[in-house]
Amino acid sequence: MPNNTAPTLKVPAAAMLPDNAQWTNRFEIKSSSSNRVYRIAQHKTGEYWGCSCPGYIYGKKGRKQCKHLRALGLHGNFIAQEVNVVAVGAGSKAA
């Protein structure tokens, strides 16, 4: 059940990915500066958000953040953040 006080992040249904062993709320975003596609997801136990871009992966400890997370209003730096992720558009139940 969604948390009514947590912010809602609307993600195109076509960008949603299935959960895996470590990550939930997985989806893809396109880079604004290249043709690359990155994955954003929430860690299942730590509840922090991560990104597959080089800025996040190679960020120094204490600065695990990237422009993709910031653009979506998500914390990095291993800070737990509850967000309601809703799939919208073709193929979603919330369309």
PDB file of N, CA and C in Angstrom:
ATOM      1  N   MET A   1       0.846  -1.181   0.000  1.00  0.00           N
ATOM      2  CA  MET A   1       0.000   0.000   0.000  1.00  0.00           C
ATOM      3  C   MET A   1       0.889   1.242   0.000  1.00  0.00           C
ATOM      4  N   PRO A   2       0.608   2.205  -0.892  1.00  0.00           N
ATOM      5  CA  PRO A   2       1.428   3.410  -0.969  1.00  0.00           C
ATOM      6  C   PRO A   2       1.337   4.253   0.298  1.00  0.00           C
ATOM      7  N   ASN A   3       2.423   4.925   0.609  1.00  0.00           N
ATOM      8  CA  ASN A   3       2.468   5.842   1.734  1.00  0.00           C
ATOM      9  C   ASN A   3       1.923   7.185   1.255  1.00  0.00           C
ATOM     10  N   ASN A   4       0.861   7.682   1.884  1.00  0.00           N
ATOM     11  CA  ASN A   4       0.229   8.919   1.442  1.00  0.00           C
ATOM     12  C   ASN A   4       1.070  10.156   1.708  1.00  0.00           C
ATOM     13  N   THR A   5       2.083  10.066   2.565  1.00  0.00           N
ATOM     14  CA  THR A   5       2.916  11.225   2.850  1.00  0.00           C
ATOM     15  C   THR A   5       4.186  11.252   2.015  1.00  0.00           C
ATOM     16  N   ALA A   6       4.525  10.135   1.387  1.00  0.00           N
ATOM     17  CA  ALA A   6       5.728  10.070   0.555  1.00  0.00           C
ATOM     18  C   ALA A   6       5.455  10.713  -0.800  1.00  0.00           C
ATOM     19  N   PRO A   7       6.471  11.336  -1.400  1.00  0.00           N
ATOM     20  CA  PRO A   7       6.280  11.900  -2.735  1.00  0.00           C
ATOM     21  C   PRO A   7       6.011  10.793  -3.758  1.00  0.00           C
ATOM     22  N   THR A   8       5.348  11.158  -4.851  1.00  0.00           N
ATOM     23  CA  THR A   8       5.036  10.202  -5.903  1.00  0.00           C
ATOM     24  C   THR A   8       5.910  10.494  -7.115  1.00  0.00           C
ATOM     25  N   LEU A   9       6.495   9.462  -7.652  1.00  0.00           N
ATOM     26  CA  LEU A   9       7.326   9.551  -8.849  1.00  0.00           C
ATOM     27  C   LEU A   9       6.608   8.797  -9.957  1.00  0.00           C
ATOM     28  N   LYS A  10       6.183   9.510 -10.997  1.00  0.00           N
ATOM     29  CA  LYS A  10       5.490   8.882 -12.118  1.00  0.00           C
ATOM     30  C   LYS A  10       6.515   8.497 -13.176  1.00  0.00           C
ATOM     31  N   VAL A  11       6.516   7.214 -13.527  1.00  0.00           N
ATOM     32  CA  VAL A  11       7.483   6.667 -14.470  1.00  0.00           C
ATOM     33  C   VAL A  11       6.724   6.039 -15.635  1.00  0.00           C
ATOM     34  N   PRO A  12       7.136   6.306 -16.876  1.00  0.00           N
ATOM     35  CA  PRO A  12       6.472   5.656 -18.003  1.00  0.00           C
ATOM     36  C   PRO A  12       6.500   4.133 -17.842  1.00  0.00           C
ATOM     37  N   ALA A  13       5.368   3.490 -18.075  1.00  0.00           N
ATOM     38  CA  ALA A  13       5.275   2.037 -17.908  1.00  0.00           C
ATOM     39  C   ALA A  13       6.325   1.307 -18.738  1.00  0.00           C
ATOM     40  N   ALA A  14       6.616   1.814 -19.925  1.00  0.00           N
ATOM     41  CA  ALA A  14       7.598   1.162 -20.798  1.00  0.00           C
ATOM     42  C   ALA A  14       9.013   1.196 -20.222  1.00  0.00           C
ATOM     43  N   ALA A  15       9.276   2.101 -19.293  1.00  0.00           N
ATOM     44  CA  ALA A  15      10.610   2.217 -18.690  1.00  0.00           C
ATOM     45  C   ALA A  15      10.789   1.344 -17.457  1.00  0.00           C
ATOM     46  N   MET A  16       9.699   0.814 -16.920  1.00  0.00           N
ATOM     47  CA  MET A  16       9.768   0.006 -15.701  1.00  0.00           C
ATOM     48  C   MET A  16      10.468  -1.325 -15.966  1.00  0.00           C
ATOM     49  N   LEU A  17      11.230  -1.780 -14.978  1.00  0.00           N
ATOM     50  CA  LEU A  17      11.949  -3.054 -15.040  1.00  0.00           C
ATOM     51  C   LEU A  17      11.521  -3.923 -13.862  1.00  0.00           C
ATOM     52  N   PRO A  18      11.629  -5.246 -13.994  1.00  0.00           N
ATOM     53  CA  PRO A  18      11.283  -6.109 -12.858  1.00  0.00           C
ATOM     54  C   PRO A  18      12.295  -5.965 -11.722  1.00  0.00           C
ATOM     55  N   ASP A  19      11.834  -6.204 -10.502  1.00  0.00           N
ATOM     56  CA  ASP A  19      12.735  -6.213  -9.345  1.00  0.00           C
ATOM     57  C   ASP A  19      13.742  -7.340  -9.511  1.00  0.00           C
ATOM     58  N   ASN A  20      14.879  -7.203  -8.827  1.00  0.00           N
ATOM     59  CA  ASN A  20      15.829  -8.312  -8.749  1.00  0.00           C
ATOM     60  C   ASN A  20      16.133  -8.571  -7.275  1.00  0.00           C
ATOM     61  N   ALA A  21      17.134  -9.351  -6.979  1.00  0.00           N
ATOM     62  CA  ALA A  21      17.410  -9.752  -5.597  1.00  0.00           C
ATOM     63  C   ALA A  21      17.722  -8.569  -4.676  1.00  0.00           C
ATOM     64  N   GLN A  22      18.378  -7.528  -5.195  1.00  0.00           N
ATOM     65  CA  GLN A  22      18.784  -6.405  -4.349  1.00  0.00           C
ATOM     66  C   GLN A  22      17.968  -5.138  -4.546  1.00  0.00           C
ATOM     67  N   TRP A  23      17.358  -4.965  -5.698  1.00  0.00           N
ATOM     68  CA  TRP A  23      16.764  -3.676  -6.050  1.00  0.00           C
ATOM     69  C   TRP A  23      15.289  -3.793  -6.390  1.00  0.00           C
ATOM     70  N   THR A  24      14.528  -2.748  -6.054  1.00  0.00           N
ATOM     71  CA  THR A  24      13.110  -2.651  -6.366  1.00  0.00           C
ATOM     72  C   THR A  24      12.850  -1.294  -7.032  1.00  0.00           C
ATOM     73  N   ASN A  25      11.636  -1.062  -7.489  1.00  0.00           N
ATOM     74  CA  ASN A  25      11.292   0.212  -8.148  1.00  0.00           C
ATOM     75  C   ASN A  25      12.296   0.556  -9.244  1.00  0.00           C
ATOM     76  N   ARG A  26      12.659  -0.435 -10.037  1.00  0.00           N
ATOM     77  CA  ARG A  26      13.675  -0.260 -11.084  1.00  0.00           C
ATOM     78  C   ARG A  26      13.054   0.318 -12.354  1.00  0.00           C
ATOM     79  N   PHE A  27      13.761   1.276 -12.953  1.00  0.00           N
ATOM     80  CA  PHE A  27      13.333   1.815 -14.243  1.00  0.00           C
ATOM     81  C   PHE A  27      14.523   2.405 -14.984  1.00  0.00           C
ATOM     82  N   GLU A  28      14.328   2.618 -16.278  1.00  0.00           N
ATOM     83  CA  GLU A  28      15.382   3.162 -17.127  1.00  0.00           C
ATOM     84  C   GLU A  28      15.088   4.610 -17.469  1.00  0.00           C
ATOM     85  N   ILE A  29      16.168   5.380 -17.607  1.00  0.00           N
ATOM     86  CA  ILE A  29      16.060   6.757 -18.075  1.00  0.00           C
ATOM     87  C   ILE A  29      17.108   6.972 -19.155  1.00  0.00           C
ATOM     88  N   LYS A  30      16.822   7.871 -20.077  1.00  0.00           N
ATOM     89  CA  LYS A  30      17.772   8.195 -21.133  1.00  0.00           C
ATOM     90  C   LYS A  30      18.636   9.364 -20.685  1.00  0.00           C
ATOM     91  N   SER A  31      19.889   9.304 -21.070  1.00  0.00           N
ATOM     92  CA  SER A  31      20.807  10.395 -20.787  1.00  0.00           C
ATOM     93  C   SER A  31      20.379  11.627 -21.568  1.00  0.00           C
ATOM     94  N   SER A  32      20.558  12.786 -20.977  1.00  0.00           N
ATOM     95  CA  SER A  32      20.237  14.032 -21.679  1.00  0.00           C
ATOM     96  C   SER A  32      21.387  14.493 -22.573  1.00  0.00           C
ATOM     97  N   SER A  33      22.564  13.873 -22.405  1.00  0.00           N
ATOM     98  CA  SER A  33      23.725  14.324 -23.164  1.00  0.00           C
ATOM     99  C   SER A  33      24.299  13.271 -24.118  1.00  0.00           C
ATOM    100  N   SER A  34      23.703  12.076 -24.152  1.00  0.00           N
ATOM    101  CA  SER A  34      24.183  11.029 -25.061  1.00  0.00           C
ATOM    102  C   SER A  34      23.027  10.078 -25.349  1.00  0.00           C
ATOM    103  N   ASN A  35      23.321   9.012 -26.074  1.00  0.00           N
ATOM    104  CA  ASN A  35      22.275   8.026 -26.368  1.00  0.00           C
ATOM    105  C   ASN A  35      22.273   6.877 -25.354  1.00  0.00           C
ATOM    106  N   ARG A  36      22.950   7.061 -24.242  1.00  0.00           N
ATOM    107  CA  ARG A  36      23.009   6.023 -23.212  1.00  0.00           C
ATOM    108  C   ARG A  36      21.706   5.939 -22.416  1.00  0.00           C
ATOM    109  N   VAL A  37      21.472   4.757 -21.864  1.00  0.00           N
ATOM    110  CA  VAL A  37      20.316   4.520 -21.004  1.00  0.00           C
ATOM    111  C   VAL A  37      20.842   4.031 -19.661  1.00  0.00           C
ATOM    112  N   TYR A  38      20.341   4.611 -18.573  1.00  0.00           N
ATOM    113  CA  TYR A  38      20.779   4.240 -17.234  1.00  0.00           C
ATOM    114  C   TYR A  38      19.611   3.668 -16.443  1.00  0.00           C
ATOM    115  N   ARG A  39      19.946   2.884 -15.429  1.00  0.00           N
ATOM    116  CA  ARG A  39      18.929   2.302 -14.551  1.00  0.00           C
ATOM    117  C   ARG A  39      18.954   3.016 -13.205  1.00  0.00           C
ATOM    118  N   ILE A  40      17.764   3.344 -12.735  1.00  0.00           N
ATOM    119  CA  ILE A  40      17.596   3.905 -11.397  1.00  0.00           C
ATOM    120  C   ILE A  40      16.776   2.899 -10.612  1.00  0.00           C
ATOM    121  N   ALA A  41      17.141   2.684  -9.347  1.00  0.00           N
ATOM    122  CA  ALA A  41      16.438   1.698  -8.530  1.00  0.00           C
ATOM    123  C   ALA A  41      16.623   2.015  -7.057  1.00  0.00           C
ATOM    124  N   GLN A  42      15.745   1.401  -6.250  1.00  0.00           N
ATOM    125  CA  GLN A  42      15.807   1.565  -4.798  1.00  0.00           C
ATOM    126  C   GLN A  42      16.288   0.263  -4.178  1.00  0.00           C
ATOM    127  N   HIS A  43      17.290   0.372  -3.305  1.00  0.00           N
ATOM    128  CA  HIS A  43      17.826  -0.805  -2.627  1.00  0.00           C
ATOM    129  C   HIS A  43      16.749  -1.382  -1.709  1.00  0.00           C
ATOM    130  N   LYS A  44      16.544  -2.697  -1.789  1.00  0.00           N
ATOM    131  CA  LYS A  44      15.441  -3.324  -1.046  1.00  0.00           C
ATOM    132  C   LYS A  44      15.574  -3.194   0.470  1.00  0.00           C
ATOM    133  N   THR A  45      16.766  -3.385   1.014  1.00  0.00           N
ATOM    134  CA  THR A  45      16.895  -3.331   2.472  1.00  0.00           C
ATOM    135  C   THR A  45      17.325  -1.959   2.977  1.00  0.00           C
ATOM    136  N   GLY A  46      18.185  -1.273   2.252  1.00  0.00           N
ATOM    137  CA  GLY A  46      18.658   0.041   2.682  1.00  0.00           C
ATOM    138  C   GLY A  46      17.714   1.168   2.322  1.00  0.00           C
ATOM    139  N   GLU A  47      16.809   0.917   1.372  1.00  0.00           N
ATOM    140  CA  GLU A  47      15.823   1.878   0.902  1.00  0.00           C
ATOM    141  C   GLU A  47      16.427   3.142   0.316  1.00  0.00           C
ATOM    142  N   TYR A  48      17.712   3.120  -0.042  1.00  0.00           N
ATOM    143  CA  TYR A  48      18.329   4.263  -0.705  1.00  0.00           C
ATOM    144  C   TYR A  48      18.249   4.060  -2.218  1.00  0.00           C
ATOM    145  N   TRP A  49      18.404   5.146  -2.966  1.00  0.00           N
ATOM    146  CA  TRP A  49      18.315   5.115  -4.420  1.00  0.00           C
ATOM    147  C   TRP A  49      19.694   5.109  -5.047  1.00  0.00           C
ATOM    148  N   GLY A  50      19.819   4.421  -6.159  1.00  0.00           N
ATOM    149  CA  GLY A  50      21.078   4.362  -6.882  1.00  0.00           C
ATOM    150  C   GLY A  50      20.845   4.501  -8.374  1.00  0.00           C
ATOM    151  N   CYS A  51      21.915   4.745  -9.103  1.00  0.00           N
ATOM    152  CA  CYS A  51      21.863   4.916 -10.556  1.00  0.00           C
ATOM    153  C   CYS A  51      23.040   4.165 -11.171  1.00  0.00           C
ATOM    154  N   SER A  52      22.873   3.696 -12.396  1.00  0.00           N
ATOM    155  CA  SER A  52      23.944   2.948 -13.051  1.00  0.00           C
ATOM    156  C   SER A  52      24.892   3.844 -13.842  1.00  0.00           C
ATOM    157  N   CYS A  53      24.736   5.163 -13.743  1.00  0.00           N
ATOM    158  CA  CYS A  53      25.604   6.076 -14.497  1.00  0.00           C
ATOM    159  C   CYS A  53      26.992   6.167 -13.854  1.00  0.00           C
ATOM    160  N   PRO A  54      27.998   6.561 -14.647  1.00  0.00           N
ATOM    161  CA  PRO A  54      29.353   6.696 -14.093  1.00  0.00           C
ATOM    162  C   PRO A  54      29.448   7.696 -12.943  1.00  0.00           C
ATOM    163  N   GLY A  55      28.664   8.773 -12.995  1.00  0.00           N
ATOM    164  CA  GLY A  55      28.708   9.770 -11.921  1.00  0.00           C
ATOM    165  C   GLY A  55      28.356   9.178 -10.573  1.00  0.00           C
ATOM    166  N   TYR A  56      27.401   8.251 -10.549  1.00  0.00           N
ATOM    167  CA  TYR A  56      27.016   7.600  -9.303  1.00  0.00           C
ATOM    168  C   TYR A  56      27.975   6.469  -8.959  1.00  0.00           C
ATOM    169  N   ILE A  57      28.256   5.614  -9.915  1.00  0.00           N
ATOM    170  CA  ILE A  57      29.092   4.435  -9.659  1.00  0.00           C
ATOM    171  C   ILE A  57      30.483   4.819  -9.173  1.00  0.00           C
ATOM    172  N   TYR A  58      31.085   5.831  -9.791  1.00  0.00           N
ATOM    173  CA  TYR A  58      32.451   6.205  -9.428  1.00  0.00           C
ATOM    174  C   TYR A  58      32.520   7.379  -8.471  1.00  0.00           C
ATOM    175  N   GLY A  59      31.372   7.820  -7.959  1.00  0.00           N
ATOM    176  CA  GLY A  59      31.364   8.901  -6.978  1.00  0.00           C
ATOM    177  C   GLY A  59      32.065   8.465  -5.695  1.00  0.00           C
ATOM    178  N   LYS A  60      32.748   9.392  -5.080  1.00  0.00           N
ATOM    179  CA  LYS A  60      33.463   9.081  -3.852  1.00  0.00           C
ATOM    180  C   LYS A  60      32.485   8.846  -2.709  1.00  0.00           C
ATOM    181  N   LYS A  61      32.935   8.096  -1.731  1.00  0.00           N
ATOM    182  CA  LYS A  61      32.102   7.824  -0.562  1.00  0.00           C
ATOM    183  C   LYS A  61      31.634   9.143   0.047  1.00  0.00           C
ATOM    184  N   GLY A  62      30.355   9.191   0.371  1.00  0.00           N
ATOM    185  CA  GLY A  62      29.792  10.422   0.908  1.00  0.00           C
ATOM    186  C   GLY A  62      29.256  11.343  -0.175  1.00  0.00           C
ATOM    187  N   ARG A  63      29.558  11.013  -1.449  1.00  0.00           N
ATOM    188  CA  ARG A  63      29.057  11.822  -2.559  1.00  0.00           C
ATOM    189  C   ARG A  63      28.441  10.930  -3.631  1.00  0.00           C
ATOM    190  N   LYS A  64      27.737   9.900  -3.222  1.00  0.00           N
ATOM    191  CA  LYS A  64      27.060   8.995  -4.150  1.00  0.00           C
ATOM    192  C   LYS A  64      25.779   9.664  -4.610  1.00  0.00           C
ATOM    193  N   GLN A  65      25.896  10.529  -5.577  1.00  0.00           N
ATOM    194  CA  GLN A  65      24.790  11.307  -6.102  1.00  0.00           C
ATOM    195  C   GLN A  65      25.051  11.521  -7.587  1.00  0.00           C
ATOM    196  N   CYS A  66      24.032  11.809  -8.362  1.00  0.00           N
ATOM    197  CA  CYS A  66      24.217  12.101  -9.773  1.00  0.00           C
ATOM    198  C   CYS A  66      23.107  13.012 -10.248  1.00  0.00           C
ATOM    199  N   LYS A  67      23.273  13.562 -11.446  1.00  0.00           N
ATOM    200  CA  LYS A  67      22.280  14.494 -11.975  1.00  0.00           C
ATOM    201  C   LYS A  67      20.945  13.812 -12.238  1.00  0.00           C
ATOM    202  N   HIS A  68      20.966  12.504 -12.478  1.00  0.00           N
ATOM    203  CA  HIS A  68      19.722  11.781 -12.751  1.00  0.00           C
ATOM    204  C   HIS A  68      18.870  11.681 -11.485  1.00  0.00           C
ATOM    205  N   LEU A  69      19.502  11.341 -10.371  1.00  0.00           N
ATOM    206  CA  LEU A  69      18.771  11.276  -9.100  1.00  0.00           C
ATOM    207  C   LEU A  69      18.275  12.659  -8.696  1.00  0.00           C
ATOM    208  N   ARG A  70      19.138  13.669  -8.831  1.00  0.00           N
ATOM    209  CA  ARG A  70      18.745  15.039  -8.463  1.00  0.00           C
ATOM    210  C   ARG A  70      17.561  15.517  -9.306  1.00  0.00           C
ATOM    211  N   ALA A  71      17.585  15.212 -10.608  1.00  0.00           N
ATOM    212  CA  ALA A  71      16.497  15.651 -11.500  1.00  0.00           C
ATOM    213  C   ALA A  71      15.158  15.045 -11.099  1.00  0.00           C
ATOM    214  N   LEU A  72      15.198  13.864 -10.501  1.00  0.00           N
ATOM    215  CA  LEU A  72      13.974  13.195 -10.060  1.00  0.00           C
ATOM    216  C   LEU A  72      13.605  13.514  -8.609  1.00  0.00           C
ATOM    217  N   GLY A  73      14.443  14.298  -7.941  1.00  0.00           N
ATOM    218  CA  GLY A  73      14.184  14.649  -6.545  1.00  0.00           C
ATOM    219  C   GLY A  73      14.519  13.522  -5.584  1.00  0.00           C
ATOM    220  N   LEU A  74      15.429  12.637  -5.994  1.00  0.00           N
ATOM    221  CA  LEU A  74      15.810  11.497  -5.155  1.00  0.00           C
ATOM    222  C   LEU A  74      17.141  11.751  -4.479  1.00  0.00           C
ATOM    223  N   HIS A  75      17.251  11.284  -3.235  1.00  0.00           N
ATOM    224  CA  HIS A  75      18.515  11.394  -2.508  1.00  0.00           C
ATOM    225  C   HIS A  75      19.482  10.335  -3.015  1.00  0.00           C
ATOM    226  N   GLY A  76      20.720  10.587  -2.882  1.00  0.00           N
ATOM    227  CA  GLY A  76      21.749   9.581  -3.093  1.00  0.00           C
ATOM    228  C   GLY A  76      22.408   9.362  -1.749  1.00  0.00           C
ATOM    229  N   ASN A  77      23.690   9.116  -1.753  1.00  0.00           N
ATOM    230  CA  ASN A  77      24.495   9.047  -0.530  1.00  0.00           C
ATOM    231  C   ASN A  77      23.987   8.045   0.499  1.00  0.00           C
ATOM    232  N   PHE A  78      23.356   6.976   0.035  1.00  0.00           N
ATOM    233  CA  PHE A  78      22.885   5.912   0.921  1.00  0.00           C
ATOM    234  C   PHE A  78      21.891   6.418   1.966  1.00  0.00           C
ATOM    235  N   ILE A  79      21.128   7.446   1.623  1.00  0.00           N
ATOM    236  CA  ILE A  79      20.096   7.985   2.513  1.00  0.00           C
ATOM    237  C   ILE A  79      18.762   7.343   2.142  1.00  0.00           C
ATOM    238  N   ALA A  80      18.143   6.668   3.093  1.00  0.00           N
ATOM    239  CA  ALA A  80      16.854   6.021   2.836  1.00  0.00           C
ATOM    240  C   ALA A  80      15.819   7.082   2.484  1.00  0.00           C
ATOM    241  N   GLN A  81      15.001   6.787   1.479  1.00  0.00           N
ATOM    242  CA  GLN A  81      13.972   7.721   1.054  1.00  0.00           C
ATOM    243  C   GLN A  81      12.776   6.938   0.532  1.00  0.00           C
ATOM    244  N   GLU A  82      11.636   7.133   1.161  1.00  0.00           N
ATOM    245  CA  GLU A  82      10.423   6.467   0.721  1.00  0.00           C
ATOM    246  C   GLU A  82       9.770   7.291  -0.383  1.00  0.00           C
ATOM    247  N   VAL A  83       9.482   6.628  -1.493  1.00  0.00           N
ATOM    248  CA  VAL A  83       8.853   7.266  -2.644  1.00  0.00           C
ATOM    249  C   VAL A  83       7.834   6.296  -3.214  1.00  0.00           C
ATOM    250  N   ASN A  84       6.673   6.799  -3.583  1.00  0.00           N
ATOM    251  CA  ASN A  84       5.683   5.972  -4.271  1.00  0.00           C
ATOM    252  C   ASN A  84       5.974   6.043  -5.766  1.00  0.00           C
ATOM    253  N   VAL A  85       6.382   4.927  -6.357  1.00  0.00           N
ATOM    254  CA  VAL A  85       6.660   4.871  -7.785  1.00  0.00           C
ATOM    255  C   VAL A  85       5.417   4.339  -8.479  1.00  0.00           C
ATOM    256  N   VAL A  86       4.920   5.116  -9.454  1.00  0.00           N
ATOM    257  CA  VAL A  86       3.704   4.764 -10.163  1.00  0.00           C
ATOM    258  C   VAL A  86       4.001   4.692 -11.650  1.00  0.00           C
ATOM    259  N   ALA A  87       3.674   3.562 -12.268  1.00  0.00           N
ATOM    260  CA  ALA A  87       3.822   3.404 -13.716  1.00  0.00           C
ATOM    261  C   ALA A  87       2.653   4.092 -14.400  1.00  0.00           C
ATOM    262  N   VAL A  88       2.939   4.918 -15.386  1.00  0.00           N
ATOM    263  CA  VAL A  88       1.894   5.621 -16.123  1.00  0.00           C
ATOM    264  C   VAL A  88       2.055   5.389 -17.617  1.00  0.00           C
ATOM    265  N   GLY A  89       0.972   5.502 -18.338  1.00  0.00           N
ATOM    266  CA  GLY A  89       1.017   5.353 -19.779  1.00  0.00           C
ATOM    267  C   GLY A  89       0.628   3.969 -20.228  1.00  0.00           C
ATOM    268  N   ALA A  90       0.911   3.676 -21.482  1.00  0.00           N
ATOM    269  CA  ALA A  90       0.527   2.408 -22.110  1.00  0.00           C
ATOM    270  C   ALA A  90       1.024   1.227 -21.304  1.00  0.00           C
ATOM    271  N   GLY A  91       0.139   0.282 -21.060  1.00  0.00           N
ATOM    272  CA  GLY A  91       0.515  -0.944 -20.363  1.00  0.00           C
ATOM    273  C   GLY A  91       0.476  -0.856 -18.851  1.00  0.00           C
ATOM    274  N   SER A  92       0.111   0.294 -18.294  1.00  0.00           N
ATOM    275  CA  SER A  92       0.089   0.417 -16.830  1.00  0.00           C
ATOM    276  C   SER A  92      -1.337   0.330 -16.318  1.00  0.00           C
ATOM    277  N   LYS A  93      -1.468  -0.048 -15.070  1.00  0.00           N
ATOM    278  CA  LYS A  93      -2.777  -0.103 -14.428  1.00  0.00           C
ATOM    279  C   LYS A  93      -3.222   1.287 -13.992  1.00  0.00           C
ATOM    280  N   ALA A  94      -2.246   2.223 -13.872  1.00  0.00           N
ATOM    281  CA  ALA A  94      -2.556   3.563 -13.381  1.00  0.00           C
ATOM    282  C   ALA A  94      -2.809   4.548 -14.512  1.00  0.00           C
ATOM    283  N   ALA A  95      -2.840   4.086 -15.748  1.00  0.00           N
ATOM    284  CA  ALA A  95      -2.960   4.989 -16.901  1.00  0.00           C
ATOM    285  C   ALA A  95      -4.238   5.798 -16.887  1.00  0.00           C
TER     286      ALA A  95
END
